[in-house]
Amino acid sequence: MGKRKKSSRKPGPSRQKVPLETTFTCLFCHHDKSVTVRLDRKEGMAQLVCRVCDQRYQSKVNHLTEPIDIYSEWIDAADAAQREEVPRRAVASSSRPIPAPPSVDSDED
């Protein structure tokens, strides 16, 4: 047979939500807690600003977006911009000039 339920069972302590950070480290000047994110949900825009070097980034937001999401997008955008700036060298590069291919004339038979 099973036990009876205890009539005076009290609920356990509720867990408190740990708030997510809203200030971050700048990618360009490397100052801690210098980047702030402002979310304007009515306008659907977010602004990220560094107080030290005045770097700025804007992005669209929705009702699920948090400041850490905007910071992550900024990191991704900065990485993508850095990859575009780096010129790629040819795979087979040497100091010798490339010989011209022989010309083919169809008049000689």
Protein backbone atom coordinates (compact mmCIF):
# COMPACT_ATOMS: atom_id res chain seq x y z
CA MET A 1 0.00 0.00 0.00
CA GLY A 2 1.12 3.53 -0.73
CA LYS A 3 1.87 6.28 1.72
CA ARG A 4 -0.52 9.11 2.35
CA LYS A 5 0.34 12.57 1.07
CA LYS A 6 1.67 14.87 3.67
CA SER A 7 -0.98 17.52 4.21
CA SER A 8 1.36 20.35 5.17
CA ARG A 9 3.83 20.13 2.30
CA LYS A 10 5.35 23.56 1.72
CA PRO A 11 6.75 24.69 -1.63
CA GLY A 12 10.51 24.95 -1.84
CA PRO A 13 12.31 28.25 -2.22
CA SER A 14 11.89 29.73 -5.67
CA ARG A 15 15.00 30.24 -7.76
CA GLN A 16 15.89 33.77 -8.55
CA LYS A 17 16.64 34.60 -12.16
CA VAL A 18 20.17 35.79 -12.69
CA PRO A 19 19.93 38.80 -15.00
CA LEU A 20 21.97 38.69 -18.20
CA GLU A 21 24.70 41.26 -18.64
CA THR A 22 24.03 44.46 -20.54
CA THR A 23 27.59 45.85 -20.55
CA PHE A 24 30.38 44.10 -22.41
CA THR A 25 34.06 44.32 -23.42
CA CYS A 26 34.81 46.30 -26.57
CA LEU A 27 36.36 44.37 -29.48
CA PHE A 28 38.39 47.34 -30.67
CA CYS A 29 39.68 49.13 -27.54
CA HIS A 30 39.43 46.11 -25.15
CA HIS A 31 37.98 48.10 -22.24
CA ASP A 32 35.85 46.08 -19.83
CA LYS A 33 32.21 47.09 -19.41
CA SER A 34 32.47 49.93 -21.91
CA VAL A 35 29.95 48.63 -24.45
CA THR A 36 26.29 49.17 -23.70
CA VAL A 37 23.30 47.87 -25.62
CA ARG A 38 19.99 49.72 -25.85
CA LEU A 39 16.94 47.86 -27.12
CA ASP A 40 14.04 49.82 -28.55
CA ARG A 41 11.38 47.18 -29.04
CA LYS A 42 8.75 49.64 -30.31
CA GLU A 43 11.03 50.78 -33.14
CA GLY A 44 12.48 47.29 -33.59
CA MET A 45 16.07 48.53 -33.41
CA ALA A 46 19.01 47.94 -31.08
CA GLN A 47 22.05 50.18 -30.67
CA LEU A 48 25.40 49.05 -29.38
CA VAL A 49 27.83 51.83 -28.37
CA CYS A 50 31.31 51.81 -26.85
CA ARG A 51 31.76 54.72 -24.44
CA VAL A 52 35.55 54.78 -24.86
CA CYS A 53 36.23 54.47 -28.60
CA ASP A 54 32.71 55.38 -29.83
CA GLN A 55 32.26 52.24 -31.94
CA ARG A 56 28.62 51.79 -32.95
CA TYR A 57 26.47 48.97 -34.30
CA GLN A 58 22.76 48.81 -35.12
CA SER A 59 20.58 45.78 -35.63
CA LYS A 60 16.94 44.79 -35.88
CA VAL A 61 15.30 43.18 -32.85
CA ASN A 62 12.20 41.19 -32.02
CA HIS A 63 10.45 40.36 -28.76
CA LEU A 64 12.92 37.54 -27.94
CA THR A 65 16.13 39.52 -28.50
CA GLU A 66 18.40 40.17 -25.53
CA PRO A 67 21.47 42.45 -25.28
CA ILE A 68 23.83 39.47 -25.45
CA ASP A 69 22.31 38.56 -28.84
CA ILE A 70 23.16 42.01 -30.23
CA TYR A 71 26.70 41.76 -28.85
CA SER A 72 27.12 38.35 -30.53
CA GLU A 73 25.85 39.75 -33.85
CA TRP A 74 28.38 42.59 -33.54
CA ILE A 75 31.21 40.09 -33.02
CA ASP A 76 30.08 38.10 -36.08
CA ALA A 77 29.79 41.25 -38.21
CA ALA A 78 33.26 42.43 -37.15
CA ASP A 79 34.75 39.02 -38.02
CA ALA A 80 33.03 39.03 -41.41
CA ALA A 81 34.28 42.56 -42.17
CA GLN A 82 37.82 41.60 -41.17
CA ARG A 83 37.75 38.55 -43.48
CA GLU A 84 36.64 40.73 -46.41
CA GLU A 85 39.50 43.21 -45.89
CA VAL A 86 42.32 40.65 -45.94
CA PRO A 87 43.46 40.25 -49.56
CA ARG A 88 44.04 36.66 -50.54
CA ARG A 89 47.25 35.71 -52.28
CA ALA A 90 47.40 33.35 -55.20
CA VAL A 91 47.87 29.73 -54.20
CA ALA A 92 50.88 29.07 -56.44
CA SER A 93 52.99 32.18 -56.18
CA SER A 94 56.63 32.35 -57.15
CA SER A 95 59.16 35.00 -58.01
CA ARG A 96 59.45 33.81 -61.62
CA PRO A 97 57.12 35.32 -64.21
CA ILE A 98 54.47 33.05 -65.67
CA PRO A 99 55.33 32.07 -69.26
CA ALA A 100 52.76 33.05 -71.86
CA PRO A 101 50.84 30.13 -73.40
CA PRO A 102 51.84 29.31 -76.98
CA SER A 103 49.55 30.94 -79.51
CA VAL A 104 47.65 28.65 -81.81
CA ASP A 105 47.20 29.89 -85.39
CA SER A 106 44.73 28.06 -87.59
CA ASP A 107 46.29 29.48 -90.82
CA GLU A 108 49.29 27.17 -90.73
CA ASP A 109 48.43 23.77 -92.21
